[in-house]
PDB file of N, CA and C in Angstrom:
ATOM      1  N   MET A   1     -10.585  -2.983 -12.250  1.00  0.00           N
ATOM      2  CA  MET A   1     -11.022  -1.608 -12.147  1.00  0.00           C
ATOM      3  C   MET A   1      -9.870  -0.665 -11.815  1.00  0.00           C
ATOM      4  N   SER A   2      -8.714  -1.198 -11.494  1.00  0.00           N
ATOM      5  CA  SER A   2      -7.585  -0.323 -11.161  1.00  0.00           C
ATOM      6  C   SER A   2      -6.688  -0.158 -12.382  1.00  0.00           C
ATOM      7  N   ASN A   3      -5.708   0.711 -12.246  1.00  0.00           N
ATOM      8  CA  ASN A   3      -4.701   0.881 -13.286  1.00  0.00           C
ATOM      9  C   ASN A   3      -3.834  -0.369 -13.382  1.00  0.00           C
ATOM     10  N   LEU A   4      -3.205  -0.535 -14.524  1.00  0.00           N
ATOM     11  CA  LEU A   4      -2.135  -1.516 -14.663  1.00  0.00           C
ATOM     12  C   LEU A   4      -0.841  -0.793 -14.335  1.00  0.00           C
ATOM     13  N   TYR A   5       0.011  -1.432 -13.567  1.00  0.00           N
ATOM     14  CA  TYR A   5       1.248  -0.804 -13.131  1.00  0.00           C
ATOM     15  C   TYR A   5       2.449  -1.589 -13.629  1.00  0.00           C
ATOM     16  N   ARG A   6       3.473  -0.851 -13.997  1.00  0.00           N
ATOM     17  CA  ARG A   6       4.766  -1.442 -14.316  1.00  0.00           C
ATOM     18  C   ARG A   6       5.694  -1.054 -13.159  1.00  0.00           C
ATOM     19  N   ILE A   7       6.359  -2.050 -12.589  1.00  0.00           N
ATOM     20  CA  ILE A   7       7.243  -1.792 -11.458  1.00  0.00           C
ATOM     21  C   ILE A   7       8.677  -2.178 -11.814  1.00  0.00           C
ATOM     22  N   ARG A   8       9.609  -1.642 -11.037  1.00  0.00           N
ATOM     23  CA  ARG A   8      11.017  -2.022 -11.167  1.00  0.00           C
ATOM     24  C   ARG A   8      11.492  -2.480  -9.788  1.00  0.00           C
ATOM     25  N   VAL A   9      12.009  -3.686  -9.720  1.00  0.00           N
ATOM     26  CA  VAL A   9      12.572  -4.215  -8.480  1.00  0.00           C
ATOM     27  C   VAL A   9      14.084  -4.249  -8.655  1.00  0.00           C
ATOM     28  N   THR A  10      14.787  -3.608  -7.734  1.00  0.00           N
ATOM     29  CA  THR A  10      16.241  -3.601  -7.748  1.00  0.00           C
ATOM     30  C   THR A  10      16.712  -4.340  -6.502  1.00  0.00           C
ATOM     31  N   TYR A  11      17.621  -5.288  -6.712  1.00  0.00           N
ATOM     32  CA  TYR A  11      18.149  -6.043  -5.580  1.00  0.00           C
ATOM     33  C   TYR A  11      19.651  -6.174  -5.705  1.00  0.00           C
ATOM     34  N   ARG A  12      20.324  -5.845  -4.625  1.00  0.00           N
ATOM     35  CA  ARG A  12      21.768  -6.045  -4.516  1.00  0.00           C
ATOM     36  C   ARG A  12      21.988  -7.047  -3.389  1.00  0.00           C
ATOM     37  N   LEU A  13      22.901  -7.973  -3.584  1.00  0.00           N
ATOM     38  CA  LEU A  13      23.143  -9.019  -2.589  1.00  0.00           C
ATOM     39  C   LEU A  13      23.303  -8.435  -1.191  1.00  0.00           C
ATOM     40  N   GLN A  14      22.616  -9.063  -0.261  1.00  0.00           N
ATOM     41  CA  GLN A  14      22.656  -8.712   1.163  1.00  0.00           C
ATOM     42  C   GLN A  14      22.088  -7.326   1.474  1.00  0.00           C
ATOM     43  N   LYS A  15      21.347  -6.748   0.546  1.00  0.00           N
ATOM     44  CA  LYS A  15      20.656  -5.469   0.763  1.00  0.00           C
ATOM     45  C   LYS A  15      19.163  -5.707   0.636  1.00  0.00           C
ATOM     46  N   ASP A  16      18.372  -4.769   1.108  1.00  0.00           N
ATOM     47  CA  ASP A  16      16.925  -4.870   0.938  1.00  0.00           C
ATOM     48  C   ASP A  16      16.549  -4.555  -0.507  1.00  0.00           C
ATOM     49  N   PRO A  17      15.571  -5.269  -1.055  1.00  0.00           N
ATOM     50  CA  PRO A  17      15.111  -4.929  -2.401  1.00  0.00           C
ATOM     51  C   PRO A  17      14.440  -3.553  -2.397  1.00  0.00           C
ATOM     52  N   GLU A  18      14.543  -2.872  -3.513  1.00  0.00           N
ATOM     53  CA  GLU A  18      13.894  -1.577  -3.687  1.00  0.00           C
ATOM     54  C   GLU A  18      12.875  -1.700  -4.805  1.00  0.00           C
ATOM     55  N   VAL A  19      11.685  -1.154  -4.582  1.00  0.00           N
ATOM     56  CA  VAL A  19      10.615  -1.233  -5.575  1.00  0.00           C
ATOM     57  C   VAL A  19      10.146   0.176  -5.906  1.00  0.00           C
ATOM     58  N   HIS A  20      10.099   0.455  -7.207  1.00  0.00           N
ATOM     59  CA  HIS A  20       9.573   1.717  -7.725  1.00  0.00           C
ATOM     60  C   HIS A  20       8.473   1.410  -8.734  1.00  0.00           C
ATOM     61  N   VAL A  21       7.474   2.254  -8.772  1.00  0.00           N
ATOM     62  CA  VAL A  21       6.456   2.172  -9.810  1.00  0.00           C
ATOM     63  C   VAL A  21       6.974   2.986 -10.991  1.00  0.00           C
ATOM     64  N   VAL A  22       7.074   2.336 -12.153  1.00  0.00           N
ATOM     65  CA  VAL A  22       7.600   2.983 -13.349  1.00  0.00           C
ATOM     66  C   VAL A  22       6.478   3.698 -14.102  1.00  0.00           C
ATOM     67  N   GLN A  23       5.351   2.990 -14.275  1.00  0.00           N
ATOM     68  CA  GLN A  23       4.196   3.559 -14.989  1.00  0.00           C
ATOM     69  C   GLN A  23       2.925   3.007 -14.400  1.00  0.00           C
ATOM     70  N   PRO A  24       1.884   3.788 -14.299  1.00  0.00           N
ATOM     71  CA  PRO A  24       1.879   5.243 -14.374  1.00  0.00           C
ATOM     72  C   PRO A  24       2.541   5.829 -13.133  1.00  0.00           C
ATOM     73  N   ALA A  25       2.976   7.061 -13.232  1.00  0.00           N
ATOM     74  CA  ALA A  25       3.639   7.709 -12.103  1.00  0.00           C
ATOM     75  C   ALA A  25       2.672   7.808 -10.919  1.00  0.00           C
ATOM     76  N   LEU A  26       3.197   7.572  -9.734  1.00  0.00           N
ATOM     77  CA  LEU A  26       2.395   7.751  -8.527  1.00  0.00           C
ATOM     78  C   LEU A  26       2.125   9.240  -8.346  1.00  0.00           C
ATOM     79  N   ARG A  27       0.967   9.549  -7.746  1.00  0.00           N
ATOM     80  CA  ARG A  27       0.638  10.963  -7.569  1.00  0.00           C
ATOM     81  C   ARG A  27       0.029  11.190  -6.194  1.00  0.00           C
ATOM     82  N   ASP A  28       0.260  12.389  -5.682  1.00  0.00           N
ATOM     83  CA  ASP A  28      -0.356  12.811  -4.432  1.00  0.00           C
ATOM     84  C   ASP A  28      -1.822  13.133  -4.693  1.00  0.00           C
ATOM     85  N   ARG A  29      -2.639  13.048  -3.647  1.00  0.00           N
ATOM     86  CA  ARG A  29      -4.041  13.476  -3.780  1.00  0.00           C
ATOM     87  C   ARG A  29      -4.120  14.993  -3.863  1.00  0.00           C
ATOM     88  N   SER A  30      -3.248  15.676  -3.147  1.00  0.00           N
ATOM     89  CA  SER A  30      -3.169  17.136  -3.163  1.00  0.00           C
ATOM     90  C   SER A  30      -1.811  17.531  -2.608  1.00  0.00           C
ATOM     91  N   SER A  31      -1.544  18.833  -2.570  1.00  0.00           N
ATOM     92  CA  SER A  31      -0.255  19.283  -2.029  1.00  0.00           C
ATOM     93  C   SER A  31      -0.153  19.000  -0.539  1.00  0.00           C
ATOM     94  N   LYS A  32      -1.290  18.816   0.141  1.00  0.00           N
ATOM     95  CA  LYS A  32      -1.290  18.519   1.575  1.00  0.00           C
ATOM     96  C   LYS A  32      -1.515  17.040   1.869  1.00  0.00           C
ATOM     97  N   ASP A  33      -1.920  16.284   0.877  1.00  0.00           N
ATOM     98  CA  ASP A  33      -2.231  14.862   1.060  1.00  0.00           C
ATOM     99  C   ASP A  33      -1.250  14.046   0.227  1.00  0.00           C
ATOM    100  N   ARG A  34      -0.068  13.818   0.816  1.00  0.00           N
ATOM    101  CA  ARG A  34       1.042  13.165   0.121  1.00  0.00           C
ATOM    102  C   ARG A  34       0.880  11.646   0.137  1.00  0.00           C
ATOM    103  N   ILE A  35       1.541  10.985  -0.807  1.00  0.00           N
ATOM    104  CA  ILE A  35       1.473   9.527  -0.907  1.00  0.00           C
ATOM    105  C   ILE A  35       1.981   8.918   0.399  1.00  0.00           C
ATOM    106  N   PRO A  36       1.170   8.058   1.034  1.00  0.00           N
ATOM    107  CA  PRO A  36       1.637   7.422   2.269  1.00  0.00           C
ATOM    108  C   PRO A  36       2.552   6.227   1.983  1.00  0.00           C
ATOM    109  N   HIS A  37       3.378   5.915   2.934  1.00  0.00           N
ATOM    110  CA  HIS A  37       4.211   4.706   2.916  1.00  0.00           C
ATOM    111  C   HIS A  37       5.155   4.636   1.724  1.00  0.00           C
ATOM    112  N   VAL A  38       5.870   5.753   1.502  1.00  0.00           N
ATOM    113  CA  VAL A  38       6.934   5.771   0.502  1.00  0.00           C
ATOM    114  C   VAL A  38       8.174   6.413   1.112  1.00  0.00           C
ATOM    115  N   TYR A  39       9.321   5.987   0.608  1.00  0.00           N
ATOM    116  CA  TYR A  39      10.592   6.604   0.956  1.00  0.00           C
ATOM    117  C   TYR A  39      10.894   7.682  -0.081  1.00  0.00           C
ATOM    118  N   PRO A  40      11.910   8.498   0.157  1.00  0.00           N
ATOM    119  CA  PRO A  40      12.284   9.504  -0.857  1.00  0.00           C
ATOM    120  C   PRO A  40      12.424   8.870  -2.239  1.00  0.00           C
ATOM    121  N   GLY A  41      11.992   9.610  -3.239  1.00  0.00           N
ATOM    122  CA  GLY A  41      12.027   9.113  -4.605  1.00  0.00           C
ATOM    123  C   GLY A  41      10.876   8.182  -4.921  1.00  0.00           C
ATOM    124  N   ASN A  42       9.866   8.167  -4.040  1.00  0.00           N
ATOM    125  CA  ASN A  42       8.684   7.307  -4.194  1.00  0.00           C
ATOM    126  C   ASN A  42       9.026   5.816  -4.239  1.00  0.00           C
ATOM    127  N   ARG A  43      10.083   5.447  -3.514  1.00  0.00           N
ATOM    128  CA  ARG A  43      10.386   4.020  -3.334  1.00  0.00           C
ATOM    129  C   ARG A  43       9.354   3.475  -2.350  1.00  0.00           C
ATOM    130  N   LEU A  44       8.729   2.360  -2.708  1.00  0.00           N
ATOM    131  CA  LEU A  44       7.646   1.822  -1.894  1.00  0.00           C
ATOM    132  C   LEU A  44       8.151   1.300  -0.553  1.00  0.00           C
ATOM    133  N   CYS A  45       7.409   1.599   0.486  1.00  0.00           N
ATOM    134  CA  CYS A  45       7.683   1.077   1.821  1.00  0.00           C
ATOM    135  C   CYS A  45       6.833  -0.185   1.980  1.00  0.00           C
ATOM    136  N   LEU A  46       7.458  -1.336   1.809  1.00  0.00           N
ATOM    137  CA  LEU A  46       6.743  -2.609   1.829  1.00  0.00           C
ATOM    138  C   LEU A  46       6.916  -3.373   3.130  1.00  0.00           C
ATOM    139  N   PHE A  47       7.968  -3.076   3.877  1.00  0.00           N
ATOM    140  CA  PHE A  47       8.265  -3.785   5.121  1.00  0.00           C
ATOM    141  C   PHE A  47       9.214  -2.921   5.944  1.00  0.00           C
ATOM    142  N   LEU A  48       9.317  -3.239   7.227  1.00  0.00           N
ATOM    143  CA  LEU A  48      10.232  -2.512   8.102  1.00  0.00           C
ATOM    144  C   LEU A  48      11.630  -3.114   7.978  1.00  0.00           C
ATOM    145  N   PRO A  49      12.583  -2.348   7.473  1.00  0.00           N
ATOM    146  CA  PRO A  49      13.940  -2.873   7.319  1.00  0.00           C
ATOM    147  C   PRO A  49      14.573  -3.186   8.674  1.00  0.00           C
ATOM    148  N   GLY A  50      15.365  -4.222   8.695  1.00  0.00           N
ATOM    149  CA  GLY A  50      16.147  -4.539   9.868  1.00  0.00           C
ATOM    150  C   GLY A  50      15.432  -5.250  11.000  1.00  0.00           C
ATOM    151  N   VAL A  51      14.150  -5.579  10.832  1.00  0.00           N
ATOM    152  CA  VAL A  51      13.428  -6.268  11.906  1.00  0.00           C
ATOM    153  C   VAL A  51      13.039  -7.697  11.519  1.00  0.00           C
ATOM    154  N   GLY A  52      13.510  -8.156  10.364  1.00  0.00           N
ATOM    155  CA  GLY A  52      13.292  -9.543   9.975  1.00  0.00           C
ATOM    156  C   GLY A  52      12.039  -9.814   9.165  1.00  0.00           C
ATOM    157  N   GLU A  53      11.312  -8.767   8.762  1.00  0.00           N
ATOM    158  CA  GLU A  53      10.143  -9.012   7.913  1.00  0.00           C
ATOM    159  C   GLU A  53      10.557  -9.533   6.537  1.00  0.00           C
ATOM    160  N   TRP A  54      11.703  -9.089   6.068  1.00  0.00           N
ATOM    161  CA  TRP A  54      12.282  -9.626   4.829  1.00  0.00           C
ATOM    162  C   TRP A  54      13.751  -9.903   5.096  1.00  0.00           C
ATOM    163  N   ARG A  55      14.215 -11.064   4.636  1.00  0.00           N
ATOM    164  CA  ARG A  55      15.610 -11.467   4.790  1.00  0.00           C
ATOM    165  C   ARG A  55      16.186 -11.807   3.416  1.00  0.00           C
ATOM    166  N   PRO A  56      17.484 -11.687   3.231  1.00  0.00           N
ATOM    167  CA  PRO A  56      18.088 -12.009   1.935  1.00  0.00           C
ATOM    168  C   PRO A  56      17.845 -13.447   1.481  1.00  0.00           C
ATOM    169  N   THR A  57      17.467 -14.331   2.383  1.00  0.00           N
ATOM    170  CA  THR A  57      17.167 -15.713   1.995  1.00  0.00           C
ATOM    171  C   THR A  57      15.732 -15.866   1.491  1.00  0.00           C
ATOM    172  N   ASP A  58      14.910 -14.815   1.644  1.00  0.00           N
ATOM    173  CA  ASP A  58      13.520 -14.874   1.190  1.00  0.00           C
ATOM    174  C   ASP A  58      13.450 -14.738  -0.338  1.00  0.00           C
ATOM    175  N   SER A  59      12.435 -15.326  -0.903  1.00  0.00           N
ATOM    176  CA  SER A  59      12.197 -15.249  -2.342  1.00  0.00           C
ATOM    177  C   SER A  59      11.471 -13.946  -2.683  1.00  0.00           C
ATOM    178  N   ILE A  60      12.054 -13.147  -3.564  1.00  0.00           N
ATOM    179  CA  ILE A  60      11.407 -11.903  -3.980  1.00  0.00           C
ATOM    180  C   ILE A  60      10.050 -12.174  -4.625  1.00  0.00           C
ATOM    181  N   PRO A  61       9.918 -13.166  -5.534  1.00  0.00           N
ATOM    182  CA  PRO A  61       8.594 -13.430  -6.112  1.00  0.00           C
ATOM    183  C   PRO A  61       7.546 -13.863  -5.080  1.00  0.00           C
ATOM    184  N   ASP A  62       7.977 -14.479  -3.996  1.00  0.00           N
ATOM    185  CA  ASP A  62       7.029 -14.956  -2.991  1.00  0.00           C
ATOM    186  C   ASP A  62       6.739 -13.932  -1.898  1.00  0.00           C
ATOM    187  N   THR A  63       7.515 -12.862  -1.829  1.00  0.00           N
ATOM    188  CA  THR A  63       7.324 -11.867  -0.768  1.00  0.00           C
ATOM    189  C   THR A  63       7.110 -10.475  -1.349  1.00  0.00           C
ATOM    190  N   VAL A  64       8.128  -9.941  -1.966  1.00  0.00           N
ATOM    191  CA  VAL A  64       8.120  -8.554  -2.421  1.00  0.00           C
ATOM    192  C   VAL A  64       7.042  -8.299  -3.481  1.00  0.00           C
ATOM    193  N   ILE A  65       6.869  -9.207  -4.401  1.00  0.00           N
ATOM    194  CA  ILE A  65       5.874  -9.000  -5.464  1.00  0.00           C
ATOM    195  C   ILE A  65       4.447  -8.994  -4.899  1.00  0.00           C
ATOM    196  N   PRO A  66       4.039  -9.974  -4.067  1.00  0.00           N
ATOM    197  CA  PRO A  66       2.704  -9.879  -3.467  1.00  0.00           C
ATOM    198  C   PRO A  66       2.542  -8.651  -2.563  1.00  0.00           C
ATOM    199  N   TRP A  67       3.587  -8.281  -1.833  1.00  0.00           N
ATOM    200  CA  TRP A  67       3.502  -7.082  -0.997  1.00  0.00           C
ATOM    201  C   TRP A  67       3.313  -5.841  -1.858  1.00  0.00           C
ATOM    202  N   THR A  68       3.955  -5.816  -3.026  1.00  0.00           N
ATOM    203  CA  THR A  68       3.786  -4.687  -3.944  1.00  0.00           C
ATOM    204  C   THR A  68       2.350  -4.624  -4.457  1.00  0.00           C
ATOM    205  N   ALA A  69       1.786  -5.768  -4.810  1.00  0.00           N
ATOM    206  CA  ALA A  69       0.388  -5.800  -5.269  1.00  0.00           C
ATOM    207  C   ALA A  69      -0.538  -5.275  -4.170  1.00  0.00           C
ATOM    208  N   ALA A  70      -0.299  -5.677  -2.932  1.00  0.00           N
ATOM    209  CA  ALA A  70      -1.122  -5.188  -1.817  1.00  0.00           C
ATOM    210  C   ALA A  70      -0.921  -3.688  -1.628  1.00  0.00           C
ATOM    211  N   TRP A  71       0.324  -3.230  -1.711  1.00  0.00           N
ATOM    212  CA  TRP A  71       0.598  -1.800  -1.569  1.00  0.00           C
ATOM    213  C   TRP A  71      -0.174  -1.013  -2.625  1.00  0.00           C
ATOM    214  N   LEU A  72      -0.149  -1.483  -3.877  1.00  0.00           N
ATOM    215  CA  LEU A  72      -0.855  -0.784  -4.961  1.00  0.00           C
ATOM    216  C   LEU A  72      -2.366  -0.799  -4.747  1.00  0.00           C
ATOM    217  N   TYR A  73      -2.907  -1.885  -4.214  1.00  0.00           N
ATOM    218  CA  TYR A  73      -4.340  -1.932  -3.894  1.00  0.00           C
ATOM    219  C   TYR A  73      -4.683  -0.818  -2.899  1.00  0.00           C
ATOM    220  N   PHE A  74      -3.919  -0.736  -1.807  1.00  0.00           N
ATOM    221  CA  PHE A  74      -4.208   0.283  -0.793  1.00  0.00           C
ATOM    222  C   PHE A  74      -3.932   1.689  -1.307  1.00  0.00           C
ATOM    223  N   TYR A  75      -2.984   1.841  -2.212  1.00  0.00           N
ATOM    224  CA  TYR A  75      -2.744   3.135  -2.851  1.00  0.00           C
ATOM    225  C   TYR A  75      -3.980   3.559  -3.648  1.00  0.00           C
ATOM    226  N   GLU A  76      -4.554   2.625  -4.406  1.00  0.00           N
ATOM    227  CA  GLU A  76      -5.763   2.937  -5.191  1.00  0.00           C
ATOM    228  C   GLU A  76      -6.926   3.318  -4.265  1.00  0.00           C
ATOM    229  N   VAL A  77      -7.078   2.601  -3.153  1.00  0.00           N
ATOM    230  CA  VAL A  77      -8.130   2.941  -2.180  1.00  0.00           C
ATOM    231  C   VAL A  77      -7.884   4.338  -1.630  1.00  0.00           C
ATOM    232  N   TRP A  78      -6.644   4.633  -1.281  1.00  0.00           N
ATOM    233  CA  TRP A  78      -6.303   5.962  -0.771  1.00  0.00           C
ATOM    234  C   TRP A  78      -6.594   7.052  -1.807  1.00  0.00           C
ATOM    235  N   LEU A  79      -6.251   6.813  -3.082  1.00  0.00           N
ATOM    236  CA  LEU A  79      -6.557   7.796  -4.118  1.00  0.00           C
ATOM    237  C   LEU A  79      -8.052   8.077  -4.199  1.00  0.00           C
ATOM    238  N   ALA A  80      -8.860   7.010  -4.107  1.00  0.00           N
ATOM    239  CA  ALA A  80     -10.307   7.148  -4.267  1.00  0.00           C
ATOM    240  C   ALA A  80     -10.987   7.736  -3.037  1.00  0.00           C
ATOM    241  N   THR A  81     -10.469   7.417  -1.838  1.00  0.00           N
ATOM    242  CA  THR A  81     -11.200   7.758  -0.617  1.00  0.00           C
ATOM    243  C   THR A  81     -10.453   8.688   0.338  1.00  0.00           C
ATOM    244  N   GLY A  82      -9.143   8.741   0.217  1.00  0.00           N
ATOM    245  CA  GLY A  82      -8.354   9.510   1.181  1.00  0.00           C
ATOM    246  C   GLY A  82      -8.057   8.731   2.450  1.00  0.00           C
ATOM    247  N   GLN A  83      -8.570   7.516   2.535  1.00  0.00           N
ATOM    248  CA  GLN A  83      -8.351   6.672   3.715  1.00  0.00           C
ATOM    249  C   GLN A  83      -7.072   5.873   3.557  1.00  0.00           C
ATOM    250  N   CYS A  84      -6.220   5.932   4.568  1.00  0.00           N
ATOM    251  CA  CYS A  84      -4.952   5.217   4.536  1.00  0.00           C
ATOM    252  C   CYS A  84      -4.958   4.144   5.593  1.00  0.00           C
ATOM    253  N   SER A  85      -4.702   2.917   5.194  1.00  0.00           N
ATOM    254  CA  SER A  85      -4.590   1.809   6.145  1.00  0.00           C
ATOM    255  C   SER A  85      -3.225   1.899   6.803  1.00  0.00           C
ATOM    256  N   ARG A  86      -3.184   2.055   8.108  1.00  0.00           N
ATOM    257  CA  ARG A  86      -1.893   2.164   8.821  1.00  0.00           C
ATOM    258  C   ARG A  86      -1.767   1.066   9.818  1.00  0.00           C
TER     259      ARG A  86
END
Protein backbone atom coordinates (compact mmCIF):
# COMPACT_ATOMS: atom_id res chain seq x y z
CA MET A 1 0.00 0.00 0.00
CA SER A 2 3.00 2.33 0.19
CA ASN A 3 5.09 3.88 -2.54
CA LEU A 4 8.05 2.08 -4.03
CA TYR A 5 11.24 3.94 -3.21
CA ARG A 6 14.60 4.09 -4.91
CA ILE A 7 17.42 4.93 -2.51
CA ARG A 8 21.10 5.80 -2.85
CA VAL A 9 23.57 4.62 -0.22
CA THR A 10 26.95 6.33 -0.23
CA TYR A 11 29.77 4.92 1.87
CA ARG A 12 33.33 6.09 2.27
CA LEU A 13 35.77 3.98 4.30
CA GLN A 14 35.70 4.79 8.01
CA LYS A 15 32.80 7.25 7.55
CA ASP A 16 29.11 6.83 8.29
CA PRO A 17 26.98 5.69 5.36
CA GLU A 18 24.66 8.31 3.89
CA VAL A 19 21.21 7.41 2.57
CA HIS A 20 19.07 9.54 0.28
CA VAL A 21 15.71 8.76 -1.27
CA VAL A 22 16.09 9.22 -5.03
CA GLN A 23 12.49 8.55 -6.11
CA PRO A 24 9.88 9.62 -5.32
CA ALA A 25 11.11 12.83 -3.73
CA LEU A 26 10.38 13.15 -0.03
CA ARG A 27 7.89 15.88 0.80
CA ASP A 28 6.81 17.90 3.80
CA ARG A 29 3.22 17.64 5.00
CA SER A 30 3.03 21.44 4.97
CA SER A 31 5.30 24.47 5.29
CA LYS A 32 5.02 24.09 9.09
CA ASP A 33 5.15 20.28 9.22
CA ARG A 34 8.62 19.41 7.95
CA ILE A 35 9.98 15.91 7.34
CA PRO A 36 11.17 14.51 10.69
CA HIS A 37 14.50 12.76 11.22
CA VAL A 38 16.44 14.09 8.25
CA TYR A 39 19.72 15.95 7.94
CA PRO A 40 20.22 18.84 5.50
CA GLY A 41 19.60 17.75 1.94
CA ASN A 42 17.03 15.20 3.16
CA ARG A 43 19.73 12.71 4.12
CA LEU A 44 17.98 10.13 6.29
CA CYS A 45 18.72 10.08 10.01
CA LEU A 46 18.93 6.34 10.66
CA PHE A 47 21.15 6.21 13.75
CA LEU A 48 23.02 8.48 16.16
CA PRO A 49 26.53 9.01 14.79
CA GLY A 50 29.44 8.48 17.10
CA VAL A 51 27.65 6.46 19.79
CA GLY A 52 28.24 2.99 18.35
CA GLU A 53 24.84 2.27 16.83
CA TRP A 54 26.64 1.74 13.52
CA ARG A 55 30.33 0.90 13.14
CA PRO A 56 32.46 0.56 9.98
CA THR A 57 32.70 -3.18 10.68
CA ASP A 58 28.90 -3.53 10.43
CA SER A 59 27.30 -4.86 7.26
CA ILE A 60 25.34 -2.19 5.37
CA PRO A 61 22.85 -4.78 3.98
CA ASP A 62 22.24 -6.10 7.49
CA THR A 63 21.89 -2.71 9.21
CA VAL A 64 21.44 0.35 7.03
CA ILE A 65 19.05 -1.22 4.52
CA PRO A 66 16.57 -2.57 7.13
CA TRP A 67 16.82 0.73 9.04
CA THR A 68 15.99 2.56 5.81
CA ALA A 69 12.94 0.35 5.25
CA ALA A 70 11.78 1.12 8.81
CA TRP A 71 12.43 4.83 8.31
CA LEU A 72 10.31 4.81 5.12
CA TYR A 73 7.49 2.96 6.93
CA PHE A 74 7.37 5.63 9.64
CA TYR A 75 7.64 8.37 7.01
CA GLU A 76 4.53 6.95 5.28
CA VAL A 77 2.69 6.83 8.63
CA TRP A 78 3.70 10.43 9.30
CA LEU A 79 2.48 11.52 5.84
CA ALA A 80 -0.90 9.85 6.44
CA THR A 81 -1.45 10.82 10.08
CA GLY A 82 0.96 13.57 11.11
CA GLN A 83 2.14 11.33 13.94
CA CYS A 84 5.89 11.02 14.34
CA SER A 85 7.46 8.17 16.29
CA ARG A 86 10.25 9.71 18.38
